[in-house]
Amino acid sequence: MVFTDSLATDLLQVVQSHPAFTCISLLAALAAISWYVRDSYEVDDVGQKHVVITGCDSGFGNLLARQLDRKGFRVVAACLTEKGAADLAAASSPRLKSLLLDVTDSAGIRRAVEAVRGEVGQRGLWGLVNNAGRSVPIGPTEWMRVEDFTEVLDVNLIGVIDVTLQFLPLLKKARGRVVNVASIMGRLSLSGGGYCLSKYGVESFSDSLRRDMQHFGIKVSIIEPGFFKTGLTRLDLIDEDLKRLWSRLPQDVKDSYGTTYFEDYLKAQAFSMGILCSPDISKVTRCMQHALTARFPRTRYGAGWDAKFFWIPLSYLPSFMTDFVVNVLLPSPKGIK
């Protein structure tokens, strides 16, 4: 459409003849500008603020640790492996401290808390980012055993809860921030296994924690990434684990899915991941950084265009519509009689 003088005149006449429309438009514009300005305010004295990040060997945690280090924060990066800790330290300033932490080890978490207590002193801990996680085993629910669920839940949910509870006294001293990494799979169950369950749990835990801790000045934010290329979405690792799950199934269960189902499943998954996974993980770490540095952090951050404009809106639609979309992405069993 060409914006002509005649069209401009017509629009002006519409506005002038509908004062309520003009008022609503102005209010909407003012609200948007006010939100943008409020959202841009940042906290002061970041050089005196300590932030603990779990899962810093690679991916989101590794990049966030380096980002915050460059910004001047005093970062304590928790890594699972010595190599991850050494590589991160080599890529960061002397301010950054690293420690080894398995979030499923409660005694190890206690030792980490004591180490951080010695770093922060009376200032307390400004930020805790629960980023550590795992994705496999993930796949059709019938292929799982109970231990396959608990392996993921112990890291992604129980680990988040344990780390948070043990660090809360230090966070209360600083009236700090908790940033929990959930997923769009905490909105939609796209697959079986413990991953979606754990992320739904992180959403619920974070909501409860936010309401309980607001009285103490602690703010809690949830990061909901879409699909990104990280260690959690490595197809070779996911495919290898799916082969393990498939190989141990009884023959009658395999027959119920059909002779080509397993290969069709791998192909559909590779196709979906190839389309959906973004290599730009900074879209996620920018949300994490905002949650730590903004004077008024948001409650939820949708990270990635697929999260903002597809998965999260889809989660609000009726179940039959979301089921249809998910079914399109995966093959149907061909062995059903």
C-alpha atoms as a PDB file:
ATOM      1  CA  MET A   1       0.000   0.000   0.000  1.00  0.00           C
ATOM      2  CA  VAL A   2       1.318   3.455  -0.963  1.00  0.00           C
ATOM      3  CA  PHE A   3       1.078   6.040   1.817  1.00  0.00           C
ATOM      4  CA  THR A   4      -0.420   9.009  -0.075  1.00  0.00           C
ATOM      5  CA  ASP A   5      -1.545  12.424   1.126  1.00  0.00           C
ATOM      6  CA  SER A   6      -5.119  11.297   0.599  1.00  0.00           C
ATOM      7  CA  LEU A   7      -4.610   8.254   2.819  1.00  0.00           C
ATOM      8  CA  ALA A   8      -2.944  10.379   5.518  1.00  0.00           C
ATOM      9  CA  THR A   9      -5.899  12.776   5.432  1.00  0.00           C
ATOM     10  CA  ASP A  10      -8.360   9.896   5.757  1.00  0.00           C
ATOM     11  CA  LEU A  11      -6.460   8.475   8.766  1.00  0.00           C
ATOM     12  CA  LEU A  12      -6.359  11.893  10.427  1.00  0.00           C
ATOM     13  CA  GLN A  13     -10.122  12.233   9.969  1.00  0.00           C
ATOM     14  CA  VAL A  14     -10.660   8.793  11.558  1.00  0.00           C
ATOM     15  CA  VAL A  15      -8.530   9.747  14.572  1.00  0.00           C
ATOM     16  CA  GLN A  16     -10.230  13.118  14.963  1.00  0.00           C
ATOM     17  CA  SER A  17     -13.681  11.550  14.739  1.00  0.00           C
ATOM     18  CA  HIS A  18     -12.800   8.891  17.347  1.00  0.00           C
ATOM     19  CA  PRO A  19     -11.214  10.632  20.374  1.00  0.00           C
ATOM     20  CA  ALA A  20     -11.402   7.401  22.393  1.00  0.00           C
ATOM     21  CA  PHE A  21      -9.229   5.704  19.767  1.00  0.00           C
ATOM     22  CA  THR A  22      -6.717   8.552  20.047  1.00  0.00           C
ATOM     23  CA  CYS A  23      -6.631   8.310  23.841  1.00  0.00           C
ATOM     24  CA  ILE A  24      -6.115   4.536  23.823  1.00  0.00           C
ATOM     25  CA  SER A  25      -3.344   4.845  21.221  1.00  0.00           C
ATOM     26  CA  LEU A  26      -1.538   7.487  23.242  1.00  0.00           C
ATOM     27  CA  LEU A  27      -1.840   5.462  26.440  1.00  0.00           C
ATOM     28  CA  ALA A  28      -0.504   2.366  24.690  1.00  0.00           C
ATOM     29  CA  ALA A  29       2.426   4.326  23.291  1.00  0.00           C
ATOM     30  CA  LEU A  30       3.204   5.854  26.690  1.00  0.00           C
ATOM     31  CA  ALA A  31       2.985   2.451  28.361  1.00  0.00           C
ATOM     32  CA  ALA A  32       5.402   0.952  25.823  1.00  0.00           C
ATOM     33  CA  ILE A  33       7.890   3.815  26.246  1.00  0.00           C
ATOM     34  CA  SER A  34       7.624   3.641  30.050  1.00  0.00           C
ATOM     35  CA  TRP A  35       8.229  -0.119  30.017  1.00  0.00           C
ATOM     36  CA  TYR A  36      11.251   0.282  27.743  1.00  0.00           C
ATOM     37  CA  VAL A  37      12.783   2.992  29.928  1.00  0.00           C
ATOM     38  CA  ARG A  38      12.111   1.055  33.141  1.00  0.00           C
ATOM     39  CA  ASP A  39      13.541  -2.103  31.586  1.00  0.00           C
ATOM     40  CA  SER A  40      16.790  -0.315  30.713  1.00  0.00           C
ATOM     41  CA  TYR A  41      17.677   0.802  34.262  1.00  0.00           C
ATOM     42  CA  GLU A  42      20.710  -1.090  35.621  1.00  0.00           C
ATOM     43  CA  VAL A  43      22.090  -1.734  39.092  1.00  0.00           C
ATOM     44  CA  ASP A  44      25.254   0.010  40.279  1.00  0.00           C
ATOM     45  CA  ASP A  45      28.606  -1.226  41.637  1.00  0.00           C
ATOM     46  CA  VAL A  46      28.776  -4.450  39.635  1.00  0.00           C
ATOM     47  CA  GLY A  47      32.453  -4.688  40.538  1.00  0.00           C
ATOM     48  CA  GLN A  48      31.424  -5.452  44.120  1.00  0.00           C
ATOM     49  CA  LYS A  49      28.805  -8.049  43.191  1.00  0.00           C
ATOM     50  CA  HIS A  50      29.467 -11.809  43.209  1.00  0.00           C
ATOM     51  CA  VAL A  51      27.592 -14.210  40.938  1.00  0.00           C
ATOM     52  CA  VAL A  52      27.668 -18.022  41.109  1.00  0.00           C
ATOM     53  CA  ILE A  53      26.922 -19.855  37.856  1.00  0.00           C
ATOM     54  CA  THR A  54      26.551 -23.643  37.603  1.00  0.00           C
ATOM     55  CA  GLY A  55      27.310 -25.663  34.486  1.00  0.00           C
ATOM     56  CA  CYS A  56      30.143 -23.484  33.178  1.00  0.00           C
ATOM     57  CA  ASP A  57      32.117 -26.155  31.308  1.00  0.00           C
ATOM     58  CA  SER A  58      30.464 -25.151  28.017  1.00  0.00           C
ATOM     59  CA  GLY A  59      27.356 -23.648  26.471  1.00  0.00           C
ATOM     60  CA  PHE A  60      25.256 -20.980  28.167  1.00  0.00           C
ATOM     61  CA  GLY A  61      27.092 -21.082  31.494  1.00  0.00           C
ATOM     62  CA  ASN A  62      30.527 -20.760  29.930  1.00  0.00           C
ATOM     63  CA  LEU A  63      29.541 -17.793  27.757  1.00  0.00           C
ATOM     64  CA  LEU A  64      27.670 -16.057  30.588  1.00  0.00           C
ATOM     65  CA  ALA A  65      30.672 -16.400  32.910  1.00  0.00           C
ATOM     66  CA  ARG A  66      32.901 -14.692  30.344  1.00  0.00           C
ATOM     67  CA  GLN A  67      30.309 -11.977  29.635  1.00  0.00           C
ATOM     68  CA  LEU A  68      29.866 -11.083  33.285  1.00  0.00           C
ATOM     69  CA  ASP A  69      33.614 -11.217  33.853  1.00  0.00           C
ATOM     70  CA  ARG A  70      34.140  -8.660  31.074  1.00  0.00           C
ATOM     71  CA  LYS A  71      31.411  -6.486  32.605  1.00  0.00           C
ATOM     72  CA  GLY A  72      33.294  -6.413  35.916  1.00  0.00           C
ATOM     73  CA  PHE A  73      31.318  -8.871  38.042  1.00  0.00           C
ATOM     74  CA  ARG A  74      33.120 -11.160  40.467  1.00  0.00           C
ATOM     75  CA  VAL A  75      32.157 -14.492  38.915  1.00  0.00           C
ATOM     76  CA  VAL A  76      32.355 -17.842  40.673  1.00  0.00           C
ATOM     77  CA  ALA A  77      32.040 -20.402  37.875  1.00  0.00           C
ATOM     78  CA  ALA A  78      31.049 -23.918  38.946  1.00  0.00           C
ATOM     79  CA  CYS A  79      32.285 -26.569  36.513  1.00  0.00           C
ATOM     80  CA  LEU A  80      31.799 -30.331  36.467  1.00  0.00           C
ATOM     81  CA  THR A  81      35.283 -31.129  35.155  1.00  0.00           C
ATOM     82  CA  GLU A  82      38.788 -29.885  35.848  1.00  0.00           C
ATOM     83  CA  LYS A  83      39.352 -29.317  32.128  1.00  0.00           C
ATOM     84  CA  GLY A  84      36.240 -27.129  31.908  1.00  0.00           C
ATOM     85  CA  ALA A  85      37.402 -25.056  34.861  1.00  0.00           C
ATOM     86  CA  ALA A  86      40.938 -24.692  33.500  1.00  0.00           C
ATOM     87  CA  ASP A  87      39.786 -23.706  30.002  1.00  0.00           C
ATOM     88  CA  LEU A  88      37.384 -21.097  31.377  1.00  0.00           C
ATOM     89  CA  ALA A  89      40.008 -19.639  33.697  1.00  0.00           C
ATOM     90  CA  ALA A  90      42.410 -19.316  30.778  1.00  0.00           C
ATOM     91  CA  ALA A  91      39.803 -17.352  28.805  1.00  0.00           C
ATOM     92  CA  SER A  92      38.884 -14.995  31.672  1.00  0.00           C
ATOM     93  CA  SER A  93      40.387 -12.337  33.912  1.00  0.00           C
ATOM     94  CA  PRO A  94      41.992 -13.108  37.291  1.00  0.00           C
ATOM     95  CA  ARG A  95      38.755 -11.889  38.935  1.00  0.00           C
ATOM     96  CA  LEU A  96      36.931 -15.036  37.866  1.00  0.00           C
ATOM     97  CA  LYS A  97      37.118 -17.917  40.335  1.00  0.00           C
ATOM     98  CA  SER A  98      36.257 -21.467  39.346  1.00  0.00           C
ATOM     99  CA  LEU A  99      35.343 -24.462  41.456  1.00  0.00           C
ATOM    100  CA  LEU A 100      34.334 -28.056  40.805  1.00  0.00           C
ATOM    101  CA  LEU A 101      30.712 -28.864  41.513  1.00  0.00           C
ATOM    102  CA  ASP A 102      28.383 -31.770  40.824  1.00  0.00           C
ATOM    103  CA  VAL A 103      24.899 -30.441  41.572  1.00  0.00           C
ATOM    104  CA  THR A 104      23.728 -33.948  42.529  1.00  0.00           C
ATOM    105  CA  ASP A 105      26.266 -34.045  45.379  1.00  0.00           C
ATOM    106  CA  SER A 106      24.721 -32.280  48.387  1.00  0.00           C
ATOM    107  CA  ALA A 107      27.959 -32.426  50.396  1.00  0.00           C
ATOM    108  CA  GLY A 108      29.816 -30.912  47.446  1.00  0.00           C
ATOM    109  CA  ILE A 109      27.268 -28.088  47.340  1.00  0.00           C
ATOM    110  CA  ARG A 110      27.883 -27.394  51.031  1.00  0.00           C
ATOM    111  CA  ARG A 111      31.614 -27.135  50.370  1.00  0.00           C
ATOM    112  CA  ALA A 112      30.926 -24.759  47.480  1.00  0.00           C
ATOM    113  CA  VAL A 113      28.764 -22.578  49.729  1.00  0.00           C
ATOM    114  CA  GLU A 114      31.564 -22.324  52.285  1.00  0.00           C
ATOM    115  CA  ALA A 115      34.072 -21.417  49.568  1.00  0.00           C
ATOM    116  CA  VAL A 116      31.748 -18.708  48.241  1.00  0.00           C
ATOM    117  CA  ARG A 117      31.060 -17.453  51.784  1.00  0.00           C
ATOM    118  CA  GLY A 118      34.784 -16.792  52.128  1.00  0.00           C
ATOM    119  CA  GLU A 119      34.726 -14.809  48.877  1.00  0.00           C
ATOM    120  CA  VAL A 120      31.650 -12.661  49.488  1.00  0.00           C
ATOM    121  CA  GLY A 121      32.078 -11.875  53.195  1.00  0.00           C
ATOM    122  CA  GLN A 122      29.368  -9.682  54.692  1.00  0.00           C
ATOM    123  CA  ARG A 123      28.259  -8.395  51.287  1.00  0.00           C
ATOM    124  CA  GLY A 124      26.485 -11.640  50.536  1.00  0.00           C
ATOM    125  CA  LEU A 125      25.862 -13.223  47.137  1.00  0.00           C
ATOM    126  CA  TRP A 126      24.266 -11.032  44.483  1.00  0.00           C
ATOM    127  CA  GLY A 127      23.387 -13.674  41.910  1.00  0.00           C
ATOM    128  CA  LEU A 128      22.862 -17.427  41.538  1.00  0.00           C
ATOM    129  CA  VAL A 129      22.362 -18.811  38.037  1.00  0.00           C
ATOM    130  CA  ASN A 130      21.142 -22.415  38.021  1.00  0.00           C
ATOM    131  CA  ASN A 131      22.278 -23.403  34.550  1.00  0.00           C
ATOM    132  CA  ALA A 132      23.676 -26.950  34.931  1.00  0.00           C
ATOM    133  CA  GLY A 133      21.560 -29.551  33.162  1.00  0.00           C
ATOM    134  CA  ARG A 134      21.349 -32.675  31.048  1.00  0.00           C
ATOM    135  CA  SER A 135      18.923 -33.806  28.356  1.00  0.00           C
ATOM    136  CA  VAL A 136      19.380 -37.561  27.913  1.00  0.00           C
ATOM    137  CA  PRO A 137      17.724 -39.975  28.251  1.00  0.00           C
ATOM    138  CA  ILE A 138      15.002 -38.385  26.153  1.00  0.00           C
ATOM    139  CA  GLY A 139      12.586 -40.122  23.783  1.00  0.00           C
ATOM    140  CA  PRO A 140       9.254 -41.992  23.725  1.00  0.00           C
ATOM    141  CA  THR A 141       7.923 -42.567  27.248  1.00  0.00           C
ATOM    142  CA  GLU A 142       7.439 -46.323  26.823  1.00  0.00           C
ATOM    143  CA  TRP A 143      11.149 -46.759  26.107  1.00  0.00           C
ATOM    144  CA  MET A 144      12.095 -45.440  29.547  1.00  0.00           C
ATOM    145  CA  ARG A 145      12.699 -46.999  32.931  1.00  0.00           C
ATOM    146  CA  VAL A 146      12.327 -45.176  36.243  1.00  0.00           C
ATOM    147  CA  GLU A 147      16.077 -44.667  36.548  1.00  0.00           C
ATOM    148  CA  ASP A 148      16.094 -42.896  33.167  1.00  0.00           C
ATOM    149  CA  PHE A 149      13.766 -40.278  34.636  1.00  0.00           C
ATOM    150  CA  THR A 150      15.684 -39.893  37.885  1.00  0.00           C
ATOM    151  CA  GLU A 151      19.043 -39.431  36.119  1.00  0.00           C
ATOM    152  CA  VAL A 152      17.713 -36.241  34.532  1.00  0.00           C
ATOM    153  CA  LEU A 153      15.532 -35.074  37.419  1.00  0.00           C
ATOM    154  CA  ASP A 154      18.438 -35.352  39.882  1.00  0.00           C
ATOM    155  CA  VAL A 155      20.426 -32.794  37.859  1.00  0.00           C
ATOM    156  CA  ASN A 156      17.791 -30.540  36.326  1.00  0.00           C
ATOM    157  CA  LEU A 157      15.347 -30.252  39.221  1.00  0.00           C
ATOM    158  CA  ILE A 158      16.605 -31.688  42.516  1.00  0.00           C
ATOM    159  CA  GLY A 159      20.027 -30.174  41.819  1.00  0.00           C
ATOM    160  CA  VAL A 160      18.472 -26.753  41.204  1.00  0.00           C
ATOM    161  CA  ILE A 161      16.476 -26.993  44.423  1.00  0.00           C
ATOM    162  CA  ASP A 162      19.422 -28.179  46.526  1.00  0.00           C
ATOM    163  CA  VAL A 163      21.822 -25.530  45.192  1.00  0.00           C
ATOM    164  CA  THR A 164      19.246 -22.774  45.671  1.00  0.00           C
ATOM    165  CA  LEU A 165      18.291 -23.736  49.218  1.00  0.00           C
ATOM    166  CA  GLN A 166      21.909 -23.961  50.337  1.00  0.00           C
ATOM    167  CA  PHE A 167      22.848 -20.593  48.813  1.00  0.00           C
ATOM    168  CA  LEU A 168      19.727 -18.743  50.045  1.00  0.00           C
ATOM    169  CA  PRO A 169      21.295 -17.394  53.271  1.00  0.00           C
ATOM    170  CA  LEU A 170      24.040 -15.685  51.244  1.00  0.00           C
ATOM    171  CA  LEU A 171      21.484 -14.380  48.725  1.00  0.00           C
ATOM    172  CA  LYS A 172      19.324 -12.910  51.519  1.00  0.00           C
ATOM    173  CA  LYS A 173      22.297 -10.929  52.816  1.00  0.00           C
ATOM    174  CA  ALA A 174      22.694  -9.173  49.455  1.00  0.00           C
ATOM    175  CA  ARG A 175      18.963  -9.080  48.591  1.00  0.00           C
ATOM    176  CA  GLY A 176      20.150 -10.740  45.425  1.00  0.00           C
ATOM    177  CA  ARG A 177      18.892 -12.573  42.352  1.00  0.00           C
ATOM    178  CA  VAL A 178      18.126 -16.187  41.430  1.00  0.00           C
ATOM    179  CA  VAL A 179      18.087 -17.002  37.714  1.00  0.00           C
ATOM    180  CA  ASN A 180      16.791 -20.472  36.866  1.00  0.00           C
ATOM    181  CA  VAL A 181      17.164 -21.933  33.393  1.00  0.00           C
ATOM    182  CA  ALA A 182      13.966 -23.694  32.360  1.00  0.00           C
ATOM    183  CA  SER A 183      12.994 -24.258  28.706  1.00  0.00           C
ATOM    184  CA  ILE A 184      10.108 -23.975  26.308  1.00  0.00           C
ATOM    185  CA  MET A 185       9.806 -27.682  27.193  1.00  0.00           C
ATOM    186  CA  GLY A 186       8.679 -26.420  30.587  1.00  0.00           C
ATOM    187  CA  ARG A 187       5.674 -25.088  28.669  1.00  0.00           C
ATOM    188  CA  LEU A 188       5.139 -27.957  26.196  1.00  0.00           C
ATOM    189  CA  SER A 189       6.043 -31.629  26.597  1.00  0.00           C
ATOM    190  CA  LEU A 190       7.606 -32.350  23.230  1.00  0.00           C
ATOM    191  CA  SER A 191       9.131 -35.681  24.241  1.00  0.00           C
ATOM    192  CA  GLY A 192       9.128 -38.320  26.939  1.00  0.00           C
ATOM    193  CA  GLY A 193      11.766 -38.784  29.609  1.00  0.00           C
ATOM    194  CA  GLY A 194      12.798 -36.622  32.521  1.00  0.00           C
ATOM    195  CA  TYR A 195      13.771 -33.453  30.641  1.00  0.00           C
ATOM    196  CA  CYS A 196      10.302 -31.953  30.162  1.00  0.00           C
ATOM    197  CA  LEU A 197       9.265 -33.064  33.644  1.00  0.00           C
ATOM    198  CA  SER A 198      12.286 -31.360  35.149  1.00  0.00           C
ATOM    199  CA  LYS A 199      11.691 -28.092  33.307  1.00  0.00           C
ATOM    200  CA  TYR A 200       8.025 -28.006  34.327  1.00  0.00           C
ATOM    201  CA  GLY A 201       9.322 -28.509  37.855  1.00  0.00           C
ATOM    202  CA  VAL A 202      11.815 -25.650  37.524  1.00  0.00           C
ATOM    203  CA  GLU A 203       8.982 -23.373  36.441  1.00  0.00           C
ATOM    204  CA  SER A 204       6.886 -24.328  39.473  1.00  0.00           C
ATOM    205  CA  PHE A 205       9.784 -24.154  41.939  1.00  0.00           C
ATOM    206  CA  SER A 206      10.786 -20.739  40.615  1.00  0.00           C
ATOM    207  CA  ASP A 207       7.260 -19.346  40.913  1.00  0.00           C
ATOM    208  CA  SER A 208       6.972 -20.537  44.517  1.00  0.00           C
ATOM    209  CA  LEU A 209      10.445 -19.248  45.352  1.00  0.00           C
ATOM    210  CA  ARG A 210       9.717 -15.839  43.812  1.00  0.00           C
ATOM    211  CA  ARG A 211       6.598 -15.343  45.888  1.00  0.00           C
ATOM    212  CA  ASP A 212       8.247 -16.527  49.101  1.00  0.00           C
ATOM    213  CA  MET A 213      11.460 -14.535  48.660  1.00  0.00           C
ATOM    214  CA  GLN A 214       9.961 -11.223  47.502  1.00  0.00           C
ATOM    215  CA  HIS A 215       9.540 -10.311  51.190  1.00  0.00           C
ATOM    216  CA  PHE A 216      13.332 -10.492  51.581  1.00  0.00           C
ATOM    217  CA  GLY A 217      14.154  -8.459  48.478  1.00  0.00           C
ATOM    218  CA  ILE A 218      15.272 -11.466  46.416  1.00  0.00           C
ATOM    219  CA  LYS A 219      14.130 -11.444  42.798  1.00  0.00           C
ATOM    220  CA  VAL A 220      13.674 -14.685  40.855  1.00  0.00           C
ATOM    221  CA  SER A 221      13.722 -14.904  37.066  1.00  0.00           C
ATOM    222  CA  ILE A 222      13.066 -17.832  34.735  1.00  0.00           C
ATOM    223  CA  ILE A 223      14.878 -18.230  31.412  1.00  0.00           C
ATOM    224  CA  GLU A 224      12.884 -20.148  28.778  1.00  0.00           C
ATOM    225  CA  PRO A 225      15.188 -20.869  25.831  1.00  0.00           C
ATOM    226  CA  GLY A 226      13.976 -22.277  22.558  1.00  0.00           C
ATOM    227  CA  PHE A 227      16.241 -24.634  20.616  1.00  0.00           C
ATOM    228  CA  PHE A 228      19.959 -23.787  20.553  1.00  0.00           C
ATOM    229  CA  LYS A 229      23.092 -25.638  19.536  1.00  0.00           C
ATOM    230  CA  THR A 230      24.685 -26.707  22.813  1.00  0.00           C
ATOM    231  CA  GLY A 231      25.923 -29.909  24.385  1.00  0.00           C
ATOM    232  CA  LEU A 232      22.344 -30.700  25.403  1.00  0.00           C
ATOM    233  CA  THR A 233      21.179 -30.779  21.773  1.00  0.00           C
ATOM    234  CA  ARG A 234      24.107 -32.720  20.271  1.00  0.00           C
ATOM    235  CA  LEU A 235      22.436 -35.172  17.919  1.00  0.00           C
ATOM    236  CA  ASP A 236      25.217 -37.752  18.142  1.00  0.00           C
ATOM    237  CA  LEU A 237      24.778 -38.062  21.904  1.00  0.00           C
ATOM    238  CA  ILE A 238      20.972 -38.108  21.710  1.00  0.00           C
ATOM    239  CA  ASP A 239      20.967 -40.679  18.898  1.00  0.00           C
ATOM    240  CA  GLU A 240      23.437 -42.900  20.733  1.00  0.00           C
ATOM    241  CA  ASP A 241      21.253 -42.898  23.823  1.00  0.00           C
ATOM    242  CA  LEU A 242      18.122 -43.563  21.782  1.00  0.00           C
ATOM    243  CA  LYS A 243      19.840 -46.624  20.309  1.00  0.00           C
ATOM    244  CA  ARG A 244      20.531 -47.805  23.851  1.00  0.00           C
ATOM    245  CA  LEU A 245      16.885 -47.362  24.807  1.00  0.00           C
ATOM    246  CA  TRP A 246      15.618 -49.088  21.657  1.00  0.00           C
ATOM    247  CA  SER A 247      18.028 -52.021  21.890  1.00  0.00           C
ATOM    248  CA  ARG A 248      16.825 -53.082  25.345  1.00  0.00           C
ATOM    249  CA  LEU A 249      13.105 -53.074  24.456  1.00  0.00           C
ATOM    250  CA  PRO A 250      11.331 -56.434  24.286  1.00  0.00           C
ATOM    251  CA  GLN A 251      10.688 -57.592  20.729  1.00  0.00           C
ATOM    252  CA  ASP A 252       6.909 -57.334  21.066  1.00  0.00           C
ATOM    253  CA  VAL A 253       7.243 -53.639  21.997  1.00  0.00           C
ATOM    254  CA  LYS A 254       9.509 -53.021  18.998  1.00  0.00           C
ATOM    255  CA  ASP A 255       6.989 -54.800  16.750  1.00  0.00           C
ATOM    256  CA  SER A 256       4.212 -52.529  18.008  1.00  0.00           C
ATOM    257  CA  TYR A 257       6.087 -49.526  16.604  1.00  0.00           C
ATOM    258  CA  GLY A 258       6.920 -51.105  13.252  1.00  0.00           C
ATOM    259  CA  THR A 259      10.158 -52.071  11.539  1.00  0.00           C
ATOM    260  CA  THR A 260      11.034 -48.552  10.309  1.00  0.00           C
ATOM    261  CA  TYR A 261       9.910 -46.486  13.300  1.00  0.00           C
ATOM    262  CA  PHE A 262      13.296 -46.169  14.977  1.00  0.00           C
ATOM    263  CA  GLU A 263      15.052 -44.934  11.840  1.00  0.00           C
ATOM    264  CA  ASP A 264      12.124 -42.658  11.013  1.00  0.00           C
ATOM    265  CA  TYR A 265      12.316 -41.203  14.526  1.00  0.00           C
ATOM    266  CA  LEU A 266      16.034 -40.444  14.179  1.00  0.00           C
ATOM    267  CA  LYS A 267      15.497 -38.801  10.782  1.00  0.00           C
ATOM    268  CA  ALA A 268      12.565 -36.682  12.013  1.00  0.00           C
ATOM    269  CA  GLN A 269      14.569 -35.577  15.031  1.00  0.00           C
ATOM    270  CA  ALA A 270      17.599 -34.653  12.917  1.00  0.00           C
ATOM    271  CA  PHE A 271      15.388 -32.700  10.513  1.00  0.00           C
ATOM    272  CA  SER A 272      13.627 -30.786  13.325  1.00  0.00           C
ATOM    273  CA  MET A 273      16.861 -30.002  15.150  1.00  0.00           C
ATOM    274  CA  GLY A 274      18.503 -28.839  11.929  1.00  0.00           C
ATOM    275  CA  ILE A 275      15.718 -26.336  11.334  1.00  0.00           C
ATOM    276  CA  LEU A 276      15.087 -25.210  14.908  1.00  0.00           C
ATOM    277  CA  CYS A 277      18.500 -25.050  16.606  1.00  0.00           C
ATOM    278  CA  SER A 278      20.090 -21.603  16.583  1.00  0.00           C
ATOM    279  CA  PRO A 279      23.891 -21.320  16.891  1.00  0.00           C
ATOM    280  CA  ASP A 280      23.635 -17.880  18.541  1.00  0.00           C
ATOM    281  CA  ILE A 281      23.554 -18.817  22.228  1.00  0.00           C
ATOM    282  CA  SER A 282      24.181 -15.181  23.195  1.00  0.00           C
ATOM    283  CA  LYS A 283      20.413 -14.686  22.817  1.00  0.00           C
ATOM    284  CA  VAL A 284      20.090 -16.739  25.987  1.00  0.00           C
ATOM    285  CA  THR A 285      23.008 -15.254  27.908  1.00  0.00           C
ATOM    286  CA  ARG A 286      21.783 -11.714  27.205  1.00  0.00           C
ATOM    287  CA  CYS A 287      18.548 -12.637  28.975  1.00  0.00           C
ATOM    288  CA  MET A 288      20.519 -14.061  31.901  1.00  0.00           C
ATOM    289  CA  GLN A 289      22.658 -10.937  32.080  1.00  0.00           C
ATOM    290  CA  HIS A 290      19.601  -8.675  32.047  1.00  0.00           C
ATOM    291  CA  ALA A 291      18.065 -10.661  34.904  1.00  0.00           C
ATOM    292  CA  LEU A 292      21.219 -10.009  36.941  1.00  0.00           C
ATOM    293  CA  THR A 293      21.904  -6.397  35.982  1.00  0.00           C
ATOM    294  CA  ALA A 294      18.462  -4.822  35.499  1.00  0.00           C
ATOM    295  CA  ARG A 295      17.067  -2.829  38.391  1.00  0.00           C
ATOM    296  CA  PHE A 296      13.680  -4.316  37.542  1.00  0.00           C
ATOM    297  CA  PRO A 297      14.327  -7.812  36.139  1.00  0.00           C
ATOM    298  CA  ARG A 298      11.559  -9.630  34.331  1.00  0.00           C
ATOM    299  CA  THR A 299       9.871 -12.694  35.779  1.00  0.00           C
ATOM    300  CA  ARG A 300      10.239 -14.706  32.559  1.00  0.00           C
ATOM    301  CA  TYR A 301      12.507 -14.381  29.548  1.00  0.00           C
ATOM    302  CA  GLY A 302      11.662 -16.133  26.292  1.00  0.00           C
ATOM    303  CA  ALA A 303      15.026 -16.634  24.574  1.00  0.00           C
ATOM    304  CA  GLY A 304      15.100 -17.121  20.816  1.00  0.00           C
ATOM    305  CA  TRP A 305      12.635 -16.256  18.094  1.00  0.00           C
ATOM    306  CA  ASP A 306      11.177 -19.770  18.088  1.00  0.00           C
ATOM    307  CA  ALA A 307      10.407 -19.475  21.811  1.00  0.00           C
ATOM    308  CA  LYS A 308       8.882 -15.992  21.567  1.00  0.00           C
ATOM    309  CA  PHE A 309       6.811 -16.380  18.427  1.00  0.00           C
ATOM    310  CA  PHE A 310       6.072 -20.095  18.140  1.00  0.00           C
ATOM    311  CA  TRP A 311       6.494 -22.368  21.176  1.00  0.00           C
ATOM    312  CA  ILE A 312       5.290 -20.050  23.943  1.00  0.00           C
ATOM    313  CA  PRO A 313       2.225 -18.820  21.967  1.00  0.00           C
ATOM    314  CA  LEU A 314       1.531 -22.458  21.016  1.00  0.00           C
ATOM    315  CA  SER A 315       1.511 -23.406  24.705  1.00  0.00           C
ATOM    316  CA  TYR A 316      -1.569 -21.203  25.242  1.00  0.00           C
ATOM    317  CA  LEU A 317      -3.612 -22.890  22.508  1.00  0.00           C
ATOM    318  CA  PRO A 318      -6.038 -25.786  23.094  1.00  0.00           C
ATOM    319  CA  SER A 319      -4.379 -29.162  23.612  1.00  0.00           C
ATOM    320  CA  PHE A 320      -5.685 -30.665  20.374  1.00  0.00           C
ATOM    321  CA  MET A 321      -3.835 -27.954  18.425  1.00  0.00           C
ATOM    322  CA  THR A 322      -0.544 -28.408  20.266  1.00  0.00           C
ATOM    323  CA  ASP A 323      -0.894 -32.191  19.917  1.00  0.00           C
ATOM    324  CA  PHE A 324      -1.340 -31.792  16.169  1.00  0.00           C
ATOM    325  CA  VAL A 325       1.834 -29.701  15.828  1.00  0.00           C
ATOM    326  CA  VAL A 326       3.921 -32.096  17.929  1.00  0.00           C
ATOM    327  CA  ASN A 327       2.578 -35.088  15.986  1.00  0.00           C
ATOM    328  CA  VAL A 328       3.610 -33.451  12.728  1.00  0.00           C
ATOM    329  CA  LEU A 329       7.210 -33.299  13.967  1.00  0.00           C
ATOM    330  CA  LEU A 330       7.449 -36.999  14.861  1.00  0.00           C
ATOM    331  CA  PRO A 331       6.569 -40.226  12.992  1.00  0.00           C
ATOM    332  CA  SER A 332       3.616 -42.422  13.903  1.00  0.00           C
ATOM    333  CA  PRO A 333       4.010 -46.105  14.825  1.00  0.00           C
ATOM    334  CA  LYS A 334       3.296 -48.344  11.843  1.00  0.00           C
ATOM    335  CA  GLY A 335       2.992 -51.621  13.714  1.00  0.00           C
ATOM    336  CA  ILE A 336      -0.425 -50.928  15.236  1.00  0.00           C
ATOM    337  CA  LYS A 337      -3.009 -53.564  14.187  1.00  0.00           C
END
